[in-house]
Each structure stands twice: as C-alpha cells, then as structure tokens.
Protein backbone atom coordinates (compact mmCIF):
# COMPACT_ATOMS: atom_id res chain seq x y z
CA MET A 1 -20.24 2.63 -9.36
CA SER A 2 -21.10 0.76 -6.32
CA GLU A 3 -19.82 -2.09 -5.50
CA THR A 4 -21.43 -5.34 -4.83
CA PRO A 5 -21.17 -7.72 -2.02
CA ARG A 6 -18.82 -10.03 -3.71
CA ASP A 7 -16.99 -7.17 -5.14
CA TRP A 8 -16.12 -5.54 -1.75
CA SER A 9 -15.29 -9.11 -0.10
CA ASP A 10 -12.54 -9.33 -3.15
CA THR A 11 -11.41 -6.00 -1.97
CA LEU A 12 -10.97 -6.99 1.65
CA TYR A 13 -9.53 -10.47 0.77
CA ALA A 14 -7.25 -8.86 -1.60
CA PHE A 15 -5.93 -6.36 1.29
CA ASP A 16 -6.43 -8.91 3.91
CA THR A 17 -3.39 -11.37 2.02
CA ALA A 18 -1.38 -8.44 1.33
CA THR A 19 -1.46 -7.29 5.07
CA ARG A 20 -0.50 -10.43 6.50
CA TRP A 21 2.22 -10.86 3.43
CA PHE A 22 4.12 -7.73 4.73
CA VAL A 23 3.53 -9.23 8.54
CA ALA A 24 4.94 -11.84 7.85
CA VAL A 25 7.90 -10.92 5.52
CA THR A 26 8.49 -8.08 8.46
CA ARG A 27 8.66 -10.68 11.00
CA GLY A 28 11.17 -12.53 8.80
CA ILE A 29 13.50 -9.64 8.75
CA ALA A 30 13.50 -9.27 12.64
CA GLU A 31 14.59 -12.40 12.75
CA ARG A 32 17.64 -12.12 11.18
CA ALA A 33 17.84 -8.85 13.13
CA ALA A 34 17.98 -10.68 16.65
CA GLY A 35 21.45 -12.29 14.95
CA ASP A 36 22.72 -8.70 13.62
CA PRO A 37 20.58 -6.12 14.59
CA GLU A 38 22.03 -4.05 11.64
CA VAL A 39 19.87 -5.64 9.55
CA TRP A 40 17.33 -3.00 10.24
CA ALA A 41 19.95 0.07 9.35
CA GLN A 42 20.71 -1.79 5.92
CA LEU A 43 19.73 -0.50 2.51
CA GLY A 44 15.83 -1.13 1.67
CA LEU A 45 14.52 1.47 -0.89
CA GLY A 46 16.49 4.31 -2.29
CA GLU A 47 17.83 6.62 0.40
CA TRP A 48 15.48 4.50 3.14
CA SER A 49 17.02 1.58 5.57
CA VAL A 50 14.87 -1.44 5.84
CA ARG A 51 13.44 -0.17 9.21
CA ASP A 52 12.31 3.20 7.22
CA LEU A 53 10.69 1.41 4.38
CA VAL A 54 8.65 -0.80 7.25
CA GLY A 55 7.79 2.29 8.47
CA HIS A 56 6.59 3.37 4.57
CA THR A 57 4.82 0.63 4.43
CA SER A 58 3.25 0.30 7.57
CA ARG A 59 1.25 3.91 6.58
CA ALA A 60 -0.59 1.11 3.84
CA LEU A 61 -2.39 0.57 7.07
CA SER A 62 -2.34 3.30 9.79
CA THR A 63 -3.61 5.71 6.86
CA VAL A 64 -7.34 3.84 6.63
CA GLU A 65 -7.51 4.31 10.46
CA ALA A 66 -6.57 7.71 10.54
CA TYR A 67 -8.58 8.60 7.39
CA LEU A 68 -11.18 6.74 8.41
CA ASP A 69 -11.83 8.40 11.89
CA LEU A 70 -11.25 12.05 9.93
CA ALA A 71 -14.10 11.26 7.54
CA ALA A 72 -16.17 10.13 10.61
CA GLU A 73 -15.41 13.26 12.40
CA GLU A 74 -16.30 15.45 9.63
CA ASP A 75 -19.42 13.99 8.76
CA ALA A 76 -20.30 14.26 13.01
CA ALA A 77 -19.91 18.26 12.70
CA GLY A 78 -21.71 18.39 9.70
CA VAL A 79 -18.95 19.66 7.30
CA ALA A 80 -18.20 16.46 5.66
CA ALA A 81 -17.26 17.21 1.58
CA PRO A 82 -18.76 14.78 -0.91
CA ILE A 83 -16.91 12.30 -3.16
CA GLU A 84 -14.41 13.70 -4.81
CA VAL A 85 -12.16 10.57 -5.89
CA THR A 86 -13.48 7.94 -7.54
CA SER A 87 -11.32 5.22 -8.31
CA PRO A 88 -7.93 3.77 -7.39
CA ALA A 89 -6.00 5.06 -10.06
CA ALA A 90 -7.74 8.00 -9.66
CA TYR A 91 -6.29 8.63 -5.89
CA PHE A 92 -3.20 7.86 -6.98
CA GLU A 93 -3.20 10.20 -10.06
CA ARG A 94 -3.90 13.06 -7.54
CA ALA A 95 -1.88 11.74 -4.20
CA LEU A 96 1.16 11.65 -6.62
CA ALA A 97 0.38 15.43 -7.72
CA ALA A 98 0.22 16.40 -4.35
CA GLY A 99 3.64 14.76 -2.88
CA THR A 100 6.80 15.13 -3.57
CA PRO A 101 9.61 12.41 -2.84
CA GLU A 102 11.20 14.60 0.06
CA VAL A 103 8.46 14.90 1.90
CA ILE A 104 7.24 10.79 1.35
CA ALA A 105 11.14 9.93 2.36
CA GLN A 106 10.58 12.36 5.52
CA ARG A 107 7.77 10.48 6.61
CA GLY A 108 8.53 6.85 6.12
CA ARG A 109 11.69 7.63 8.32
CA GLU A 110 9.44 9.35 10.97
CA THR A 111 6.60 6.80 11.59
CA ALA A 112 9.89 4.21 11.33
CA ALA A 113 10.77 5.79 14.53
CA THR A 114 7.39 5.16 16.16
CA LEU A 115 7.37 1.34 15.86
CA GLY A 116 9.59 1.09 18.46
CA ALA A 117 12.64 -1.29 19.27
CA GLN A 118 10.08 -4.06 18.29
CA PRO A 119 9.32 -3.26 14.82
CA ASP A 120 7.51 -6.87 13.69
CA VAL A 121 5.88 -6.39 16.74
CA ALA A 122 4.12 -2.52 16.27
CA VAL A 123 3.35 -3.56 12.47
CA ALA A 124 1.52 -7.37 13.63
CA ALA A 125 -0.45 -5.41 16.20
CA LEU A 126 -1.42 -2.26 13.55
CA ALA A 127 -2.50 -5.25 11.14
CA ALA A 128 -4.48 -6.66 13.46
CA ARG A 129 -6.62 -3.71 14.84
CA VAL A 130 -7.00 -2.48 11.11
CA LEU A 131 -7.78 -5.89 9.76
CA ALA A 132 -10.38 -6.47 12.47
CA ARG A 133 -12.14 -2.66 11.75
CA VAL A 134 -12.42 -2.93 7.92
CA ALA A 135 -13.69 -6.43 8.44
CA THR A 136 -16.95 -4.48 9.60
CA LEU A 137 -17.56 -2.13 6.97
CA ASP A 138 -19.63 -2.66 3.46
CA GLY A 139 -17.31 -0.48 1.24
CA SER A 140 -19.24 2.64 1.37
CA GLU A 141 -17.53 4.49 4.25
CA PRO A 142 -16.19 7.71 3.65
CA ALA A 143 -12.17 8.43 3.96
CA ASP A 144 -10.71 11.88 4.10
CA THR A 145 -7.27 11.56 2.52
CA PRO A 146 -5.58 14.69 1.24
CA ALA A 147 -6.20 13.73 -1.99
CA GLY A 148 -9.56 13.86 -1.36
CA ARG A 149 -12.76 11.88 -0.06
CA ILE A 150 -13.02 8.68 -1.05
CA ARG A 151 -14.86 6.03 -0.38
CA ILE A 152 -12.99 2.81 1.33
CA ALA A 153 -14.13 0.76 -1.34
CA GLU A 154 -11.83 2.58 -3.91
CA TYR A 155 -9.23 3.49 -1.36
CA LEU A 156 -8.40 0.15 -0.28
CA PRO A 157 -6.79 -1.31 -3.36
CA SER A 158 -4.32 1.37 -3.50
CA ARG A 159 -3.45 0.57 0.04
CA THR A 160 -3.55 -3.38 -1.37
CA VAL A 161 -0.76 -1.53 -4.07
CA GLU A 162 1.10 -0.11 -1.08
CA LEU A 163 1.43 -3.39 0.99
CA THR A 164 2.20 -5.60 -2.16
CA VAL A 165 4.46 -3.26 -4.10
CA HIS A 166 6.93 -2.75 -0.96
CA THR A 167 6.86 -6.16 0.83
CA SER A 168 8.50 -7.44 -2.66
CA ASP A 169 10.86 -4.70 -2.46
CA LEU A 170 11.52 -5.85 1.52
CA LEU A 171 12.11 -9.28 0.40
CA GLN A 172 14.26 -7.53 -1.99
CA SER A 173 16.54 -6.15 0.38
CA GLN A 174 16.65 -9.15 2.36
CA GLY A 175 18.14 -11.07 -1.16
CA VAL A 176 15.41 -12.44 -2.22
CA PRO A 177 15.22 -11.42 -6.15
CA ALA A 178 12.14 -11.00 -7.97
CA ALA A 179 11.65 -14.14 -9.83
CA GLU A 180 11.76 -16.22 -6.47
CA GLN A 181 9.44 -14.49 -4.76
CA THR A 182 6.04 -15.74 -4.10
CA VAL A 183 3.21 -12.79 -4.12
CA PRO A 184 0.06 -13.86 -2.97
CA GLU A 185 -2.51 -14.62 -6.04
CA PRO A 186 -5.38 -11.94 -4.72
CA ALA A 187 -2.35 -9.04 -3.71
CA ALA A 188 -0.83 -9.95 -7.06
CA ALA A 189 -4.07 -9.69 -8.93
CA ALA A 190 -5.81 -6.42 -7.67
CA THR A 191 -2.08 -4.92 -7.62
CA LEU A 192 -2.09 -5.51 -11.08
CA HIS A 193 -5.26 -4.61 -11.41
CA VAL A 194 -4.78 -1.32 -10.51
CA LEU A 195 -1.36 -0.85 -12.08
CA ALA A 196 -3.03 -1.39 -15.62
CA ASP A 197 -6.11 1.28 -14.84
CA LEU A 198 -3.12 3.59 -14.09
CA ALA A 199 -1.48 2.52 -17.58
CA ALA A 200 -4.63 3.07 -19.35
CA HIS A 201 -5.08 6.52 -17.53
CA LYS A 202 -1.68 7.53 -18.30
CA GLY A 203 -1.60 6.35 -22.28
CA LEU A 204 1.48 3.91 -21.12
CA ALA A 205 -0.74 0.55 -21.69
CA ALA A 206 1.01 -0.07 -25.28
CA PRO A 207 4.67 -0.70 -23.82
CA LEU A 208 3.09 -2.79 -20.79
CA LEU A 209 0.94 -4.66 -23.07
CA ARG A 210 3.66 -5.90 -24.92
CA ALA A 211 6.21 -6.58 -22.24
CA ALA A 212 3.39 -8.44 -20.89
CA THR A 213 3.35 -10.81 -23.50
CA GLY A 214 6.30 -11.13 -24.29
CA ARG A 215 6.92 -8.96 -27.52
CA ALA A 216 9.10 -6.14 -26.42
CA PRO A 217 10.90 -5.17 -23.20
CA LEU A 218 10.37 -1.90 -21.35
CA PRO A 219 11.68 0.62 -22.20
CA ALA A 220 14.67 2.09 -19.73
CA GLY A 221 13.16 3.35 -15.89
CA PHE A 222 9.27 2.68 -17.08
CA SER A 223 6.54 3.06 -14.37
CA VAL A 224 3.03 3.92 -14.54
CA LEU A 225 3.31 5.40 -10.95
C-alpha cells in the first residue's frame, strides 16, 4: 500500500526529529569530552564504548545514503530487483535474521573509527546531508538493503527506531535514566508504532499490552527485537 503525502510527511518529520535529537546528544557528549577525553571511551552499550555507540547509531543515517545510491545504480544498470520488503517490521525481521551480534558490534566499531577526532562534527555533517537528501524524495524511491529492496517510505521508520533507541542509550550512558529523558514526541510515536508491529508479528502483543496498561510487569529479558 502506498503512503499518502501526509503519511510521508509524518515519516520525514519523525526521522528529522530523531536525527536532530541524536545530533544534539552527541554534541553534549563532545562538550563533556572536551574536559575529559575519556568520556568517549566509557561504556556505552554492551561491548561498545560511547564512541562505538555513536558510530553504530550514525549508521542509521549513512545507510540511507548508501542504500539509495545502490538502488539508483542498479536501476540505471537495468538489474534492479523488485520490492521484497514491504514494512519496517518486516525489514527488522529480515535484517535481524541475517545479521549476527558479532558482525553488528564490529561494524559499530569500524564506523566509529571513521568519525575522526570530532565525532560530533562528523555526525552533524552527515545528518545535515541526509536530511537534505530525504527532503527531496516522495517516499516511493527504492533502497537496496542487505535484507532486500524496500521503498524509502518503509525503510526510513526503521532508521527512526535506531536513532531513537540508541540516542536513549547514549543518554543512559551519560547518567541520564530513562525516567528523566525527554524523547521527541514524533520520534517516540513512530518508534513505538514499529515496535508494536513487531510485537504483534511475533505473538508478543499480550505481555506488551498488559505492561503498557499497568496490569503486569514485562517478563525478564523481554524484547521485540
């Protein structure tokens, strides 16, 4: 089903607010690191340092460019595949099945290394470039991902999820607990929509519904990803 213009503008707005939140939080970390360079080396998430986590999160932006470019190149060469992935939830299911935690962790570290001495400056430049590019699209453009070809209208919400969740992780790493974080509303709504779809697809809707309405806590280790 095609998005209406209003749907696409909402998708863009959510991605925009998530991106700007990530840029602002990364800038704040850089300001702390100016007085203590070890901030970048502190624990970020799992085996990632804060710098690694910024690198991984920045891939939510760089992959938009890369996968749009790849699709355009394949279309120009006449070798384009049909649309294979038709929703953000389906994209996540395919991508998670195809990847491994080790590969994902290594990509985060490798990307972090490319950000240079000023990760916040590199992230801000990348964000500005990607936001300018997606603003020229109408949502129908294809993106060729390792999980299959998908329209940008369905791919972009998955990037909003990555940006929103990992920016929250970055704040947590800086001592800001979830209860004190202010997630931009458009980014939060879009992220929760995708996560709810994933929960429904995986048969996990009931525990999520009951926890969200105060009826029961979530089981230990619960995740829809």
